[in-house]
PDB file of all heavy atoms in Angstrom:
ATOM      1  N   THR A   1     113.678 100.719 101.750  1.00  0.00           N
ATOM      2  CA  THR A   1     113.286 100.556 103.151  1.00  0.00           C
ATOM      3  C   THR A   1     112.237  99.457 103.273  1.00  0.00           C
ATOM      4  O   THR A   1     111.522  99.154 102.323  1.00  0.00           O
ATOM      5  CB  THR A   1     112.712 101.859 103.738  1.00  0.00           C
ATOM      6  OG1 THR A   1     111.572 102.250 102.977  1.00  0.00           O
ATOM      7  CG2 THR A   1     113.746 102.975 103.733  1.00  0.00           C
ATOM      8  N   GLN A   2     112.156  98.881 104.458  1.00  0.00           N
ATOM      9  CA  GLN A   2     111.134  97.871 104.719  1.00  0.00           C
ATOM     10  C   GLN A   2     109.754  98.513 104.589  1.00  0.00           C
ATOM     11  O   GLN A   2     109.526  99.613 105.100  1.00  0.00           O
ATOM     12  CB  GLN A   2     111.289  97.302 106.129  1.00  0.00           C
ATOM     13  CG  GLN A   2     112.477  96.414 106.320  1.00  0.00           C
ATOM     14  CD  GLN A   2     112.261  95.025 105.753  1.00  0.00           C
ATOM     15  OE1 GLN A   2     111.165  94.648 105.376  1.00  0.00           O
ATOM     16  NE2 GLN A   2     113.332  94.265 105.702  1.00  0.00           N
ATOM     17  N   PRO A   3     108.820  97.836 103.926  1.00  0.00           N
ATOM     18  CA  PRO A   3     107.471  98.395 103.755  1.00  0.00           C
ATOM     19  C   PRO A   3     106.587  98.159 104.984  1.00  0.00           C
ATOM     20  O   PRO A   3     105.648  97.375 104.948  1.00  0.00           O
ATOM     21  CB  PRO A   3     106.954  97.660 102.528  1.00  0.00           C
ATOM     22  CG  PRO A   3     107.634  96.334 102.586  1.00  0.00           C
ATOM     23  CD  PRO A   3     108.998  96.599 103.177  1.00  0.00           C
ATOM     24  N   THR A   4     106.883  98.838 106.073  1.00  0.00           N
ATOM     25  CA  THR A   4     106.110  98.615 107.299  1.00  0.00           C
ATOM     26  C   THR A   4     104.616  98.920 107.147  1.00  0.00           C
ATOM     27  O   THR A   4     103.815  98.272 107.815  1.00  0.00           O
ATOM     28  CB  THR A   4     106.699  99.409 108.483  1.00  0.00           C
ATOM     29  OG1 THR A   4     106.842 100.769 108.125  1.00  0.00           O
ATOM     30  CG2 THR A   4     108.044  98.840 108.895  1.00  0.00           C
ATOM     31  N   PRO A   5     104.187  99.863 106.270  1.00  0.00           N
ATOM     32  CA  PRO A   5     102.736 100.016 106.119  1.00  0.00           C
ATOM     33  C   PRO A   5     102.078  98.761 105.531  1.00  0.00           C
ATOM     34  O   PRO A   5     100.954  98.437 105.873  1.00  0.00           O
ATOM     35  CB  PRO A   5     102.570 101.201 105.173  1.00  0.00           C
ATOM     36  CG  PRO A   5     103.889 101.836 105.031  1.00  0.00           C
ATOM     37  CD  PRO A   5     104.907 100.881 105.522  1.00  0.00           C
ATOM     38  N   VAL A   6     102.798  98.056 104.675  1.00  0.00           N
ATOM     39  CA  VAL A   6     102.253  96.822 104.110  1.00  0.00           C
ATOM     40  C   VAL A   6     102.172  95.753 105.198  1.00  0.00           C
ATOM     41  O   VAL A   6     101.192  95.009 105.270  1.00  0.00           O
ATOM     42  CB  VAL A   6     103.106  96.340 102.918  1.00  0.00           C
ATOM     43  CG1 VAL A   6     102.625  94.993 102.408  1.00  0.00           C
ATOM     44  CG2 VAL A   6     103.079  97.373 101.807  1.00  0.00           C
ATOM     45  N   TYR A   7     103.189  95.689 106.046  1.00  0.00           N
ATOM     46  CA  TYR A   7     103.146  94.736 107.155  1.00  0.00           C
ATOM     47  C   TYR A   7     101.955  95.028 108.057  1.00  0.00           C
ATOM     48  O   TYR A   7     101.284  94.112 108.536  1.00  0.00           O
ATOM     49  CB  TYR A   7     104.431  94.779 107.972  1.00  0.00           C
ATOM     50  CG  TYR A   7     105.682  94.451 107.196  1.00  0.00           C
ATOM     51  CD1 TYR A   7     106.907  94.932 107.609  1.00  0.00           C
ATOM     52  CD2 TYR A   7     105.640  93.669 106.046  1.00  0.00           C
ATOM     53  CE1 TYR A   7     108.064  94.634 106.905  1.00  0.00           C
ATOM     54  CE2 TYR A   7     106.789  93.377 105.336  1.00  0.00           C
ATOM     55  CZ  TYR A   7     108.002  93.858 105.769  1.00  0.00           C
ATOM     56  OH  TYR A   7     109.136  93.569 105.077  1.00  0.00           O
ATOM     57  N   GLU A   8     101.687  96.313 108.278  1.00  0.00           N
ATOM     58  CA  GLU A   8     100.534  96.660 109.110  1.00  0.00           C
ATOM     59  C   GLU A   8      99.229  96.324 108.400  1.00  0.00           C
ATOM     60  O   GLU A   8      98.277  95.858 109.028  1.00  0.00           O
ATOM     61  CB  GLU A   8     100.559  98.138 109.497  1.00  0.00           C
ATOM     62  CG  GLU A   8      99.496  98.455 110.510  1.00  0.00           C
ATOM     63  CD  GLU A   8      99.672  99.810 111.175  1.00  0.00           C
ATOM     64  OE1 GLU A   8     100.738 100.425 111.019  1.00  0.00           O
ATOM     65  OE2 GLU A   8      98.722 100.226 111.846  1.00  0.00           O
ATOM     66  N   GLN A   9      99.167  96.534 107.092  1.00  0.00           N
ATOM     67  CA  GLN A   9      97.964  96.159 106.343  1.00  0.00           C
ATOM     68  C   GLN A   9      97.707  94.652 106.461  1.00  0.00           C
ATOM     69  O   GLN A   9      96.558  94.229 106.635  1.00  0.00           O
ATOM     70  CB  GLN A   9      98.097  96.543 104.872  1.00  0.00           C
ATOM     71  CG  GLN A   9      97.927  98.011 104.614  1.00  0.00           C
ATOM     72  CD  GLN A   9      98.179  98.357 103.161  1.00  0.00           C
ATOM     73  OE1 GLN A   9      99.083  97.835 102.526  1.00  0.00           O
ATOM     74  NE2 GLN A   9      97.365  99.261 102.635  1.00  0.00           N
ATOM     75  N   LEU A  10      98.759  93.871 106.366  1.00  0.00           N
ATOM     76  CA  LEU A  10      98.601  92.423 106.495  1.00  0.00           C
ATOM     77  C   LEU A  10      98.107  92.056 107.891  1.00  0.00           C
ATOM     78  O   LEU A  10      97.239  91.192 108.043  1.00  0.00           O
ATOM     79  CB  LEU A  10      99.919  91.718 106.182  1.00  0.00           C
ATOM     80  CG  LEU A  10     100.392  91.822 104.735  1.00  0.00           C
ATOM     81  CD1 LEU A  10     101.794  91.259 104.584  1.00  0.00           C
ATOM     82  CD2 LEU A  10      99.421  91.122 103.801  1.00  0.00           C
ATOM     83  N   TRP A  11      98.658  92.704 108.915  1.00  0.00           N
ATOM     84  CA  TRP A  11      98.198  92.451 110.280  1.00  0.00           C
ATOM     85  C   TRP A  11      96.733  92.847 110.431  1.00  0.00           C
ATOM     86  O   TRP A  11      95.952  92.131 111.075  1.00  0.00           O
ATOM     87  CB  TRP A  11      99.068  93.178 111.301  1.00  0.00           C
ATOM     88  CG  TRP A  11      98.532  93.054 112.691  1.00  0.00           C
ATOM     89  CD1 TRP A  11      98.079  94.059 113.489  1.00  0.00           C
ATOM     90  CD2 TRP A  11      98.336  91.849 113.440  1.00  0.00           C
ATOM     91  NE1 TRP A  11      97.631  93.550 114.689  1.00  0.00           N
ATOM     92  CE2 TRP A  11      97.779  92.188 114.683  1.00  0.00           C
ATOM     93  CE3 TRP A  11      98.575  90.507 113.180  1.00  0.00           C
ATOM     94  CZ2 TRP A  11      97.462  91.245 115.651  1.00  0.00           C
ATOM     95  CZ3 TRP A  11      98.259  89.562 114.155  1.00  0.00           C
ATOM     96  CH2 TRP A  11      97.705  89.942 115.375  1.00  0.00           C
ATOM     97  N   LEU A  12      96.335  93.954 109.837  1.00  0.00           N
ATOM     98  CA  LEU A  12      94.940  94.384 109.927  1.00  0.00           C
ATOM     99  C   LEU A  12      94.008  93.394 109.227  1.00  0.00           C
ATOM    100  O   LEU A  12      92.886  93.158 109.694  1.00  0.00           O
ATOM    101  CB  LEU A  12      94.786  95.790 109.344  1.00  0.00           C
ATOM    102  CG  LEU A  12      95.393  96.909 110.191  1.00  0.00           C
ATOM    103  CD1 LEU A  12      95.556  98.182 109.371  1.00  0.00           C
ATOM    104  CD2 LEU A  12      94.564  97.171 111.424  1.00  0.00           C
ATOM    105  N   LEU A  13      94.456  92.800 108.123  1.00  0.00           N
ATOM    106  CA  LEU A  13      93.651  91.762 107.471  1.00  0.00           C
ATOM    107  C   LEU A  13      93.500  90.541 108.371  1.00  0.00           C
ATOM    108  O   LEU A  13      92.418  89.948 108.456  1.00  0.00           O
ATOM    109  CB  LEU A  13      94.281  91.361 106.140  1.00  0.00           C
ATOM    110  CG  LEU A  13      94.050  92.299 104.970  1.00  0.00           C
ATOM    111  CD1 LEU A  13      94.895  91.878 103.773  1.00  0.00           C
ATOM    112  CD2 LEU A  13      92.582  92.324 104.594  1.00  0.00           C
ATOM    113  N   VAL A  14      94.585  90.156 109.028  1.00  0.00           N
ATOM    114  CA  VAL A  14      94.518  89.039 109.977  1.00  0.00           C
ATOM    115  C   VAL A  14      93.547  89.390 111.106  1.00  0.00           C
ATOM    116  O   VAL A  14      92.714  88.564 111.518  1.00  0.00           O
ATOM    117  CB  VAL A  14      95.919  88.695 110.522  1.00  0.00           C
ATOM    118  CG1 VAL A  14      95.842  87.734 111.703  1.00  0.00           C
ATOM    119  CG2 VAL A  14      96.788  88.120 109.416  1.00  0.00           C
ATOM    120  N   MET A  15      93.634  90.620 111.590  1.00  0.00           N
ATOM    121  CA  MET A  15      92.721  91.071 112.650  1.00  0.00           C
ATOM    122  C   MET A  15      91.272  90.978 112.205  1.00  0.00           C
ATOM    123  O   MET A  15      90.403  90.535 112.983  1.00  0.00           O
ATOM    124  CB  MET A  15      93.021  92.531 113.028  1.00  0.00           C
ATOM    125  CG  MET A  15      94.174  92.714 113.956  1.00  0.00           C
ATOM    126  SD  MET A  15      94.494  94.457 114.313  1.00  0.00           S
ATOM    127  CE  MET A  15      92.874  95.084 114.692  1.00  0.00           C
ATOM    128  N   LEU A  16      90.986  91.402 110.976  1.00  0.00           N
ATOM    129  CA  LEU A  16      89.612  91.311 110.479  1.00  0.00           C
ATOM    130  C   LEU A  16      89.127  89.871 110.501  1.00  0.00           C
ATOM    131  O   LEU A  16      87.991  89.598 110.894  1.00  0.00           O
ATOM    132  CB  LEU A  16      89.522  91.884 109.064  1.00  0.00           C
ATOM    133  CG  LEU A  16      89.366  93.382 108.945  1.00  0.00           C
ATOM    134  CD1 LEU A  16      89.452  93.826 107.485  1.00  0.00           C
ATOM    135  CD2 LEU A  16      88.059  93.850 109.547  1.00  0.00           C
ATOM    136  N   GLY A  17      89.982  88.965 110.076  1.00  0.00           N
ATOM    137  CA  GLY A  17      89.601  87.553 110.106  1.00  0.00           C
ATOM    138  C   GLY A  17      89.329  87.062 111.516  1.00  0.00           C
ATOM    139  O   GLY A  17      88.344  86.355 111.766  1.00  0.00           O
ATOM    140  N   ILE A  18      90.203  87.428 112.441  1.00  0.00           N
ATOM    141  CA  ILE A  18      90.020  87.023 113.841  1.00  0.00           C
ATOM    142  C   ILE A  18      88.725  87.619 114.395  1.00  0.00           C
ATOM    143  O   ILE A  18      87.939  86.928 115.056  1.00  0.00           O
ATOM    144  CB  ILE A  18      91.229  87.451 114.694  1.00  0.00           C
ATOM    145  CG1 ILE A  18      92.472  86.653 114.289  1.00  0.00           C
ATOM    146  CG2 ILE A  18      90.949  87.281 116.182  1.00  0.00           C
ATOM    147  CD1 ILE A  18      93.767  87.174 114.884  1.00  0.00           C
ATOM    148  N   LEU A  19      88.504  88.902 114.135  1.00  0.00           N
ATOM    149  CA  LEU A  19      87.294  89.556 114.646  1.00  0.00           C
ATOM    150  C   LEU A  19      86.029  88.970 114.024  1.00  0.00           C
ATOM    151  O   LEU A  19      85.019  88.796 114.706  1.00  0.00           O
ATOM    152  CB  LEU A  19      87.370  91.066 114.411  1.00  0.00           C
ATOM    153  CG  LEU A  19      88.391  91.814 115.269  1.00  0.00           C
ATOM    154  CD1 LEU A  19      88.530  93.252 114.798  1.00  0.00           C
ATOM    155  CD2 LEU A  19      88.008  91.756 116.734  1.00  0.00           C
ATOM    156  N   LEU A  20      86.081  88.676 112.727  1.00  0.00           N
ATOM    157  CA  LEU A  20      84.909  88.067 112.082  1.00  0.00           C
ATOM    158  C   LEU A  20      84.593  86.704 112.691  1.00  0.00           C
ATOM    159  O   LEU A  20      83.431  86.306 112.768  1.00  0.00           O
ATOM    160  CB  LEU A  20      85.139  87.928 110.579  1.00  0.00           C
ATOM    161  CG  LEU A  20      85.005  89.216 109.776  1.00  0.00           C
ATOM    162  CD1 LEU A  20      85.503  89.010 108.349  1.00  0.00           C
ATOM    163  CD2 LEU A  20      83.554  89.683 109.773  1.00  0.00           C
ATOM    164  N   TYR A  21      85.611  86.007 113.136  1.00  0.00           N
ATOM    165  CA  TYR A  21      85.399  84.725 113.797  1.00  0.00           C
ATOM    166  C   TYR A  21      84.865  84.913 115.220  1.00  0.00           C
ATOM    167  O   TYR A  21      83.959  84.197 115.657  1.00  0.00           O
ATOM    168  CB  TYR A  21      86.712  83.927 113.820  1.00  0.00           C
ATOM    169  CG  TYR A  21      86.616  82.644 114.592  1.00  0.00           C
ATOM    170  CD1 TYR A  21      86.011  81.521 114.027  1.00  0.00           C
ATOM    171  CD2 TYR A  21      87.100  82.548 115.890  1.00  0.00           C
ATOM    172  CE1 TYR A  21      85.902  80.347 114.743  1.00  0.00           C
ATOM    173  CE2 TYR A  21      87.002  81.376 116.606  1.00  0.00           C
ATOM    174  CZ  TYR A  21      86.394  80.276 116.029  1.00  0.00           C
ATOM    175  OH  TYR A  21      86.281  79.110 116.737  1.00  0.00           O
ATOM    176  N   LEU A  22      85.428  85.885 115.949  1.00  0.00           N
ATOM    177  CA  LEU A  22      85.098  86.032 117.369  1.00  0.00           C
ATOM    178  C   LEU A  22      83.785  86.772 117.639  1.00  0.00           C
ATOM    179  O   LEU A  22      83.058  86.415 118.566  1.00  0.00           O
ATOM    180  CB  LEU A  22      86.221  86.779 118.088  1.00  0.00           C
ATOM    181  CG  LEU A  22      87.536  86.042 118.276  1.00  0.00           C
ATOM    182  CD1 LEU A  22      88.560  86.960 118.943  1.00  0.00           C
ATOM    183  CD2 LEU A  22      87.331  84.786 119.092  1.00  0.00           C
ATOM    184  N   ILE A  23      83.494  87.801 116.885  1.00  0.00           N
ATOM    185  CA  ILE A  23      82.363  88.683 117.218  1.00  0.00           C
ATOM    186  C   ILE A  23      81.036  87.931 117.358  1.00  0.00           C
ATOM    187  O   ILE A  23      80.289  88.182 118.308  1.00  0.00           O
ATOM    188  CB  ILE A  23      82.278  89.857 116.222  1.00  0.00           C
ATOM    189  CG1 ILE A  23      83.416  90.836 116.499  1.00  0.00           C
ATOM    190  CG2 ILE A  23      80.929  90.560 116.289  1.00  0.00           C
ATOM    191  CD1 ILE A  23      83.543  91.962 115.497  1.00  0.00           C
ATOM    192  N   PRO A  24      80.697  87.000 116.465  1.00  0.00           N
ATOM    193  CA  PRO A  24      79.411  86.304 116.667  1.00  0.00           C
ATOM    194  C   PRO A  24      79.359  85.468 117.945  1.00  0.00           C
ATOM    195  O   PRO A  24      78.289  85.136 118.426  1.00  0.00           O
ATOM    196  CB  PRO A  24      79.301  85.389 115.440  1.00  0.00           C
ATOM    197  CG  PRO A  24      80.238  85.945 114.435  1.00  0.00           C
ATOM    198  CD  PRO A  24      81.318  86.617 115.198  1.00  0.00           C
ATOM    199  N   ARG A  25      80.495  85.167 118.518  1.00  0.00           N
ATOM    200  CA  ARG A  25      80.546  84.340 119.720  1.00  0.00           C
ATOM    201  C   ARG A  25      80.493  85.154 121.011  1.00  0.00           C
ATOM    202  O   ARG A  25      80.336  84.593 122.080  1.00  0.00           O
ATOM    203  CB  ARG A  25      81.815  83.482 119.687  1.00  0.00           C
ATOM    204  CG  ARG A  25      81.756  82.412 118.617  1.00  0.00           C
ATOM    205  CD  ARG A  25      83.125  81.934 118.204  1.00  0.00           C
ATOM    206  NE  ARG A  25      83.073  80.841 117.246  1.00  0.00           N
ATOM    207  CZ  ARG A  25      82.736  80.957 115.973  1.00  0.00           C
ATOM    208  NH1 ARG A  25      82.390  82.113 115.462  1.00  0.00           N
ATOM    209  NH2 ARG A  25      82.729  79.912 115.177  1.00  0.00           N
ATOM    210  N   PHE A  26      80.657  86.460 120.917  1.00  0.00           N
ATOM    211  CA  PHE A  26      80.638  87.304 122.113  1.00  0.00           C
ATOM    212  C   PHE A  26      79.220  87.471 122.631  1.00  0.00           C
ATOM    213  O   PHE A  26      78.298  87.714 121.866  1.00  0.00           O
ATOM    214  CB  PHE A  26      81.232  88.687 121.822  1.00  0.00           C
ATOM    215  CG  PHE A  26      82.717  88.681 121.601  1.00  0.00           C
ATOM    216  CD1 PHE A  26      83.289  89.564 120.704  1.00  0.00           C
ATOM    217  CD2 PHE A  26      83.551  87.826 122.282  1.00  0.00           C
ATOM    218  CE1 PHE A  26      84.649  89.582 120.488  1.00  0.00           C
ATOM    219  CE2 PHE A  26      84.916  87.824 122.083  1.00  0.00           C
ATOM    220  CZ  PHE A  26      85.468  88.706 121.186  1.00  0.00           C
ATOM    221  N   LYS A  27      79.077  87.361 123.938  1.00  0.00           N
ATOM    222  CA  LYS A  27      77.768  87.523 124.586  1.00  0.00           C
ATOM    223  C   LYS A  27      77.694  88.819 125.389  1.00  0.00           C
ATOM    224  O   LYS A  27      76.634  89.202 125.835  1.00  0.00           O
ATOM    225  CB  LYS A  27      77.490  86.339 125.523  1.00  0.00           C
ATOM    226  CG  LYS A  27      77.571  84.996 124.875  1.00  0.00           C
ATOM    227  CD  LYS A  27      76.457  84.788 123.889  1.00  0.00           C
ATOM    228  CE  LYS A  27      76.507  83.374 123.349  1.00  0.00           C
ATOM    229  NZ  LYS A  27      76.217  83.270 121.956  1.00  0.00           N
ATOM    230  N   THR A  28      78.826  89.504 125.570  1.00  0.00           N
ATOM    231  CA  THR A  28      78.879  90.712 126.386  1.00  0.00           C
ATOM    232  C   THR A  28      79.198  91.905 125.510  1.00  0.00           C
ATOM    233  O   THR A  28      80.098  91.844 124.666  1.00  0.00           O
ATOM    234  CB  THR A  28      79.966  90.572 127.481  1.00  0.00           C
ATOM    235  OG1 THR A  28      79.724  89.381 128.216  1.00  0.00           O
ATOM    236  CG2 THR A  28      79.965  91.765 128.406  1.00  0.00           C
ATOM    237  N   ASP A  29      78.463  93.001 125.703  1.00  0.00           N
ATOM    238  CA  ASP A  29      78.722  94.222 124.956  1.00  0.00           C
ATOM    239  C   ASP A  29      80.102  94.776 125.303  1.00  0.00           C
ATOM    240  O   ASP A  29      80.535  94.727 126.451  1.00  0.00           O
ATOM    241  CB  ASP A  29      77.666  95.284 125.275  1.00  0.00           C
ATOM    242  CG  ASP A  29      76.298  94.913 124.738  1.00  0.00           C
ATOM    243  OD1 ASP A  29      76.228  94.064 123.831  1.00  0.00           O
ATOM    244  OD2 ASP A  29      75.296  95.469 125.225  1.00  0.00           O
ATOM    245  N   GLY A  30      80.778  95.288 124.315  1.00  0.00           N
ATOM    246  CA  GLY A  30      82.079  95.910 124.514  1.00  0.00           C
ATOM    247  C   GLY A  30      83.251  94.997 124.198  1.00  0.00           C
ATOM    248  O   GLY A  30      84.372  95.467 124.019  1.00  0.00           O
ATOM    249  N   LEU A  31      83.015  93.692 124.117  1.00  0.00           N
ATOM    250  CA  LEU A  31      84.121  92.768 123.871  1.00  0.00           C
ATOM    251  C   LEU A  31      84.676  92.876 122.453  1.00  0.00           C
ATOM    252  O   LEU A  31      85.868  92.685 122.243  1.00  0.00           O
ATOM    253  CB  LEU A  31      83.695  91.331 124.157  1.00  0.00           C
ATOM    254  CG  LEU A  31      83.577  90.944 125.622  1.00  0.00           C
ATOM    255  CD1 LEU A  31      83.156  89.491 125.754  1.00  0.00           C
ATOM    256  CD2 LEU A  31      84.886  91.188 126.345  1.00  0.00           C
ATOM    257  N   ALA A  32      83.835  93.177 121.487  1.00  0.00           N
ATOM    258  CA  ALA A  32      84.317  93.306 120.108  1.00  0.00           C
ATOM    259  C   ALA A  32      85.282  94.482 120.002  1.00  0.00           C
ATOM    260  O   ALA A  32      86.372  94.355 119.433  1.00  0.00           O
ATOM    261  CB  ALA A  32      83.150  93.485 119.149  1.00  0.00           C
ATOM    262  N   PHE A  33      84.912  95.627 120.552  1.00  0.00           N
ATOM    263  CA  PHE A  33      85.785  96.798 120.497  1.00  0.00           C
ATOM    264  C   PHE A  33      87.053  96.571 121.311  1.00  0.00           C
ATOM    265  O   PHE A  33      88.154  96.915 120.876  1.00  0.00           O
ATOM    266  CB  PHE A  33      85.054  98.043 120.996  1.00  0.00           C
ATOM    267  CG  PHE A  33      85.877  99.290 120.858  1.00  0.00           C
ATOM    268  CD1 PHE A  33      86.050  99.879 119.620  1.00  0.00           C
ATOM    269  CD2 PHE A  33      86.490  99.859 121.957  1.00  0.00           C
ATOM    270  CE1 PHE A  33      86.824 101.017 119.472  1.00  0.00           C
ATOM    271  CE2 PHE A  33      87.263 100.999 121.831  1.00  0.00           C
ATOM    272  CZ  PHE A  33      87.428 101.589 120.584  1.00  0.00           C
TER     273      PHE A  33
END
């Protein structure tokens, strides 16, 4: 079967990278979440 949990893990790693880039730039509370 397709390893969909691995695909989700990869997406979560991409998300971490995006969030690490964006969070320091946010000026409003709640935007990170």
